[in-house]
Every structure is written in structure tokens, then in C-alpha cells.
Amino acid sequence: KVSRSPGKTRTINFFLINESFHFVDLPGYGYAKISRTQRQMFEKMIFDYLGERMQLRLVFVLIDSRHSPQKLDVDFINQLGQRQIPFVIVFTKVDKPGMAAAKKNVELLHRQMMNTWETLPQTFLTSAETRIGRKEILNFAEEIITTGKTQND
């Protein structure tokens, strides 16, 4: 499900895959045109959900590669780390700015993270349009589903 304007997801959406596991889509609030109060409500809802899900294996943090790292992205990632919630970073739309520009934004984020992180999480570069990174991320997800282990286990 895709919208032209960010922040359209307002609820937690569950997708049952192959009758065996779920992908869960959480509201993205980074570029959403919403009030500060709504942004805080989304953040609370997301972390309440993530903190209470015993069967949660991994969070895919989606970041738009067309933009340099945003404070909200870094803060969200740091909160995941503080709460010991396993995650990987997925840079989306890498075809839009071009691979060189996308890689520059990945490098900027990694540099910012190195201020507080000893090791960096796995990072994927993807494009739904050109299917860049599709095979890698599907193989990675299959490994987690099959073994039940993340890189932090």
C-alpha cells in the first residue's frame, strides 16, 4: 500500500504471509504533515507496540534515501538500541536520487551513528520500482523466519 503523501498510515496494519508469519506496518511520522501532538502519539503507539510484542523478531527501519539523515530517524534508531529492539535499516527509493547520492546519505547516517554505536546494524539499499535490493532483503527475511535468529542473537 503506497500513498503519494507521507504519513497516511495512521494505524498498525497486520499482513499475514503464507499463513505462517506477519509483517506489521507501523505509522511513519518522519515526513508526515501532522501536529507535534499527533507525532508524539504515533511515537508512543509504536514503542508501546514494539515493547509488548514478545514474538517480535526484527524491525525494518525504512528511510527515504532521497534525503540526508533526519534527526527523527537517528532518534528513532537510538531508541530502538536503548530498548534493545533488533533492527536493520532499509534505505528506500535509491533509484530516485541515483545510487551515488543514496550511498552518500547512507554514509552520513552511518557516520552519525558511529558517535553512539559500537557496531552498525545491517543496511539494505532498495527500490520498489527497479527492484534493487529485492533479492537481498527477501533472502535476509527468509533466513530470519526460517532460523528465528537475527544478527543480535
C-alpha atoms as a PDB file:
ATOM      1  CA  LYS A   1       0.000   0.000   0.000  1.00  0.00           C
ATOM      2  CA  VAL A   2       1.519   3.275  -1.118  1.00  0.00           C
ATOM      3  CA  SER A   3       0.441   6.878  -0.906  1.00  0.00           C
ATOM      4  CA  ARG A   4       1.844   9.927  -2.650  1.00  0.00           C
ATOM      5  CA  SER A   5       1.915  11.892   0.597  1.00  0.00           C
ATOM      6  CA  PRO A   6       3.804  10.658   3.668  1.00  0.00           C
ATOM      7  CA  GLY A   7       2.122   9.863   6.960  1.00  0.00           C
ATOM      8  CA  LYS A   8      -1.064   8.297   5.608  1.00  0.00           C
ATOM      9  CA  THR A   9      -0.670   5.164   7.737  1.00  0.00           C
ATOM     10  CA  ARG A  10      -2.441   6.026  10.980  1.00  0.00           C
ATOM     11  CA  THR A  11      -2.949   2.541  12.401  1.00  0.00           C
ATOM     12  CA  ILE A  12      -0.969  -0.634  12.957  1.00  0.00           C
ATOM     13  CA  ASN A  13      -1.631  -2.880   9.946  1.00  0.00           C
ATOM     14  CA  PHE A  14      -1.020  -6.644  10.028  1.00  0.00           C
ATOM     15  CA  PHE A  15      -0.260  -8.666   6.907  1.00  0.00           C
ATOM     16  CA  LEU A  16      -0.403 -12.460   7.245  1.00  0.00           C
ATOM     17  CA  ILE A  17       2.173 -14.011   4.936  1.00  0.00           C
ATOM     18  CA  ASN A  18       1.820 -17.634   3.756  1.00  0.00           C
ATOM     19  CA  GLU A  19      -0.416 -18.389   6.739  1.00  0.00           C
ATOM     20  CA  SER A  20       2.715 -18.565   8.891  1.00  0.00           C
ATOM     21  CA  PHE A  21       4.028 -15.142   9.937  1.00  0.00           C
ATOM     22  CA  HIS A  22       3.111 -11.469   9.958  1.00  0.00           C
ATOM     23  CA  PHE A  23       4.639  -8.330   8.608  1.00  0.00           C
ATOM     24  CA  VAL A  24       3.391  -5.339  10.552  1.00  0.00           C
ATOM     25  CA  ASP A  25       3.259  -1.853   9.071  1.00  0.00           C
ATOM     26  CA  LEU A  26       3.588   0.894  11.659  1.00  0.00           C
ATOM     27  CA  PRO A  27       2.842   4.575  11.089  1.00  0.00           C
ATOM     28  CA  GLY A  28       5.752   6.551   9.718  1.00  0.00           C
ATOM     29  CA  TYR A  29       5.862  10.013  11.169  1.00  0.00           C
ATOM     30  CA  GLY A  30       9.105  11.499   9.882  1.00  0.00           C
ATOM     31  CA  TYR A  31       7.792  13.414   6.872  1.00  0.00           C
ATOM     32  CA  ALA A  32       4.113  13.300   7.743  1.00  0.00           C
ATOM     33  CA  LYS A  33       2.358  16.630   7.837  1.00  0.00           C
ATOM     34  CA  ILE A  34       0.966  16.159  11.325  1.00  0.00           C
ATOM     35  CA  SER A  35       0.921  18.132  14.520  1.00  0.00           C
ATOM     36  CA  ARG A  36       3.544  17.702  17.225  1.00  0.00           C
ATOM     37  CA  THR A  37       0.855  16.110  19.431  1.00  0.00           C
ATOM     38  CA  GLN A  38      -0.013  13.550  16.726  1.00  0.00           C
ATOM     39  CA  ARG A  39       3.694  12.833  16.177  1.00  0.00           C
ATOM     40  CA  GLN A  40       4.111  12.133  19.907  1.00  0.00           C
ATOM     41  CA  MET A  41       1.005   9.912  19.878  1.00  0.00           C
ATOM     42  CA  PHE A  42       2.411   7.891  16.944  1.00  0.00           C
ATOM     43  CA  GLU A  43       5.766   7.537  18.666  1.00  0.00           C
ATOM     44  CA  LYS A  44       4.130   6.333  21.893  1.00  0.00           C
ATOM     45  CA  MET A  45       1.888   3.898  19.995  1.00  0.00           C
ATOM     46  CA  ILE A  46       4.861   2.492  18.081  1.00  0.00           C
ATOM     47  CA  PHE A  47       7.077   1.982  21.116  1.00  0.00           C
ATOM     48  CA  ASP A  48       4.216   0.577  23.193  1.00  0.00           C
ATOM     49  CA  TYR A  49       3.608  -1.940  20.420  1.00  0.00           C
ATOM     50  CA  LEU A  50       7.292  -2.810  19.944  1.00  0.00           C
ATOM     51  CA  GLY A  51       7.887  -3.137  23.674  1.00  0.00           C
ATOM     52  CA  GLU A  52       4.983  -5.523  24.229  1.00  0.00           C
ATOM     53  CA  ARG A  53       5.437  -7.894  21.268  1.00  0.00           C
ATOM     54  CA  MET A  54       7.159 -10.980  22.637  1.00  0.00           C
ATOM     55  CA  GLN A  55       7.154 -12.647  19.194  1.00  0.00           C
ATOM     56  CA  LEU A  56       8.791  -9.636  17.510  1.00  0.00           C
ATOM     57  CA  ARG A  57      11.913 -10.770  15.690  1.00  0.00           C
ATOM     58  CA  LEU A  58      13.086  -7.653  13.889  1.00  0.00           C
ATOM     59  CA  VAL A  59      12.192  -4.099  12.918  1.00  0.00           C
ATOM     60  CA  PHE A  60      12.881  -2.863   9.395  1.00  0.00           C
ATOM     61  CA  VAL A  61      13.533   0.878   9.710  1.00  0.00           C
ATOM     62  CA  LEU A  62      12.667   2.437   6.339  1.00  0.00           C
ATOM     63  CA  ILE A  63      14.489   5.629   5.448  1.00  0.00           C
ATOM     64  CA  ASP A  64      13.957   7.592   2.249  1.00  0.00           C
ATOM     65  CA  SER A  65      17.339   7.722   0.506  1.00  0.00           C
ATOM     66  CA  ARG A  66      16.465  10.977  -1.272  1.00  0.00           C
ATOM     67  CA  HIS A  67      17.050  12.918   1.940  1.00  0.00           C
ATOM     68  CA  SER A  68      20.012  13.293   4.247  1.00  0.00           C
ATOM     69  CA  PRO A  69      19.513  11.612   7.639  1.00  0.00           C
ATOM     70  CA  GLN A  70      16.876  13.339   9.714  1.00  0.00           C
ATOM     71  CA  LYS A  71      17.103  13.860  13.471  1.00  0.00           C
ATOM     72  CA  LEU A  72      13.855  11.887  13.835  1.00  0.00           C
ATOM     73  CA  ASP A  73      15.437   8.887  12.064  1.00  0.00           C
ATOM     74  CA  VAL A  74      18.542   8.974  14.259  1.00  0.00           C
ATOM     75  CA  ASP A  75      16.472   9.444  17.428  1.00  0.00           C
ATOM     76  CA  PHE A  76      14.196   6.534  16.478  1.00  0.00           C
ATOM     77  CA  ILE A  77      17.176   4.266  15.769  1.00  0.00           C
ATOM     78  CA  ASN A  78      18.812   5.264  19.059  1.00  0.00           C
ATOM     79  CA  GLN A  79      15.607   4.486  20.939  1.00  0.00           C
ATOM     80  CA  LEU A  80      15.478   1.045  19.335  1.00  0.00           C
ATOM     81  CA  GLY A  81      19.040   0.471  20.519  1.00  0.00           C
ATOM     82  CA  GLN A  82      18.352   1.715  24.043  1.00  0.00           C
ATOM     83  CA  ARG A  83      15.353  -0.607  24.269  1.00  0.00           C
ATOM     84  CA  GLN A  84      17.379  -3.487  22.772  1.00  0.00           C
ATOM     85  CA  ILE A  85      14.932  -3.964  19.912  1.00  0.00           C
ATOM     86  CA  PRO A  86      16.687  -5.681  16.987  1.00  0.00           C
ATOM     87  CA  PHE A  87      16.518  -3.812  13.690  1.00  0.00           C
ATOM     88  CA  VAL A  88      18.026  -3.306  10.266  1.00  0.00           C
ATOM     89  CA  ILE A  89      17.978  -0.160   8.169  1.00  0.00           C
ATOM     90  CA  VAL A  90      16.363  -0.150   4.734  1.00  0.00           C
ATOM     91  CA  PHE A  91      17.072   2.830   2.509  1.00  0.00           C
ATOM     92  CA  THR A  92      14.216   3.108   0.028  1.00  0.00           C
ATOM     93  CA  LYS A  93      13.889   4.776  -3.380  1.00  0.00           C
ATOM     94  CA  VAL A  94      17.606   4.527  -4.167  1.00  0.00           C
ATOM     95  CA  ASP A  95      16.783   4.866  -7.859  1.00  0.00           C
ATOM     96  CA  LYS A  96      15.358   8.386  -7.362  1.00  0.00           C
ATOM     97  CA  PRO A  97      18.470  10.333  -6.323  1.00  0.00           C
ATOM     98  CA  GLY A  98      20.807   7.875  -8.043  1.00  0.00           C
ATOM     99  CA  MET A  99      22.962   5.304  -6.326  1.00  0.00           C
ATOM    100  CA  ALA A 100      25.843   7.695  -5.600  1.00  0.00           C
ATOM    101  CA  ALA A 101      23.567  10.172  -3.799  1.00  0.00           C
ATOM    102  CA  ALA A 102      21.820   7.369  -1.933  1.00  0.00           C
ATOM    103  CA  LYS A 103      25.156   5.924  -0.786  1.00  0.00           C
ATOM    104  CA  LYS A 104      26.211   9.373   0.376  1.00  0.00           C
ATOM    105  CA  ASN A 105      23.119   9.569   2.616  1.00  0.00           C
ATOM    106  CA  VAL A 106      23.788   6.059   3.924  1.00  0.00           C
ATOM    107  CA  GLU A 107      27.342   7.109   4.765  1.00  0.00           C
ATOM    108  CA  LEU A 108      26.072  10.258   6.506  1.00  0.00           C
ATOM    109  CA  LEU A 109      23.738   8.197   8.681  1.00  0.00           C
ATOM    110  CA  HIS A 110      26.434   5.658   9.490  1.00  0.00           C
ATOM    111  CA  ARG A 111      28.818   8.464  10.463  1.00  0.00           C
ATOM    112  CA  GLN A 112      26.200   9.975  12.776  1.00  0.00           C
ATOM    113  CA  MET A 113      25.501   6.586  14.309  1.00  0.00           C
ATOM    114  CA  MET A 114      29.179   5.925  14.996  1.00  0.00           C
ATOM    115  CA  ASN A 115      29.000   8.724  17.586  1.00  0.00           C
ATOM    116  CA  THR A 116      26.918   6.455  19.820  1.00  0.00           C
ATOM    117  CA  TRP A 117      27.095   2.945  18.318  1.00  0.00           C
ATOM    118  CA  GLU A 118      29.976   0.482  18.519  1.00  0.00           C
ATOM    119  CA  THR A 119      28.732  -1.593  15.593  1.00  0.00           C
ATOM    120  CA  LEU A 120      26.342  -0.599  12.864  1.00  0.00           C
ATOM    121  CA  PRO A 121      23.204  -2.556  12.013  1.00  0.00           C
ATOM    122  CA  GLN A 122      22.861  -4.266   8.683  1.00  0.00           C
ATOM    123  CA  THR A 123      21.783  -1.823   5.969  1.00  0.00           C
ATOM    124  CA  PHE A 124      19.935  -2.508   2.718  1.00  0.00           C
ATOM    125  CA  LEU A 125      19.589  -0.270  -0.343  1.00  0.00           C
ATOM    126  CA  THR A 126      16.278  -0.820  -2.128  1.00  0.00           C
ATOM    127  CA  SER A 127      13.963   0.396  -4.848  1.00  0.00           C
ATOM    128  CA  ALA A 128      10.451  -0.945  -5.327  1.00  0.00           C
ATOM    129  CA  GLU A 129      10.433   0.464  -8.848  1.00  0.00           C
ATOM    130  CA  THR A 130      13.682  -1.048 -10.151  1.00  0.00           C
ATOM    131  CA  ARG A 131      13.780  -3.962  -7.649  1.00  0.00           C
ATOM    132  CA  ILE A 132      17.263  -3.054  -6.439  1.00  0.00           C
ATOM    133  CA  GLY A 133      17.927  -4.931  -3.200  1.00  0.00           C
ATOM    134  CA  ARG A 134      14.793  -7.073  -3.530  1.00  0.00           C
ATOM    135  CA  LYS A 135      16.570 -10.429  -3.595  1.00  0.00           C
ATOM    136  CA  GLU A 136      18.902  -9.494  -0.722  1.00  0.00           C
ATOM    137  CA  ILE A 137      16.140  -8.337   1.589  1.00  0.00           C
ATOM    138  CA  LEU A 138      13.888 -11.319   0.767  1.00  0.00           C
ATOM    139  CA  ASN A 139      16.765 -13.739   1.439  1.00  0.00           C
ATOM    140  CA  PHE A 140      17.510 -11.951   4.700  1.00  0.00           C
ATOM    141  CA  ALA A 141      13.851 -12.089   5.791  1.00  0.00           C
ATOM    142  CA  GLU A 142      13.629 -15.775   4.856  1.00  0.00           C
ATOM    143  CA  GLU A 143      16.700 -16.526   6.971  1.00  0.00           C
ATOM    144  CA  ILE A 144      15.156 -14.807   9.996  1.00  0.00           C
ATOM    145  CA  ILE A 145      11.829 -16.568   9.502  1.00  0.00           C
ATOM    146  CA  THR A 146      13.492 -19.950   8.968  1.00  0.00           C
ATOM    147  CA  THR A 147      16.051 -19.789  11.783  1.00  0.00           C
ATOM    148  CA  GLY A 148      14.272 -17.366  14.087  1.00  0.00           C
ATOM    149  CA  LYS A 149      17.591 -15.596  14.629  1.00  0.00           C
ATOM    150  CA  THR A 150      18.706 -12.050  13.960  1.00  0.00           C
ATOM    151  CA  GLN A 151      22.249 -10.739  13.788  1.00  0.00           C
ATOM    152  CA  ASN A 152      21.991  -9.860  17.502  1.00  0.00           C
ATOM    153  CA  ASP A 153      21.198 -13.425  18.637  1.00  0.00           C
END
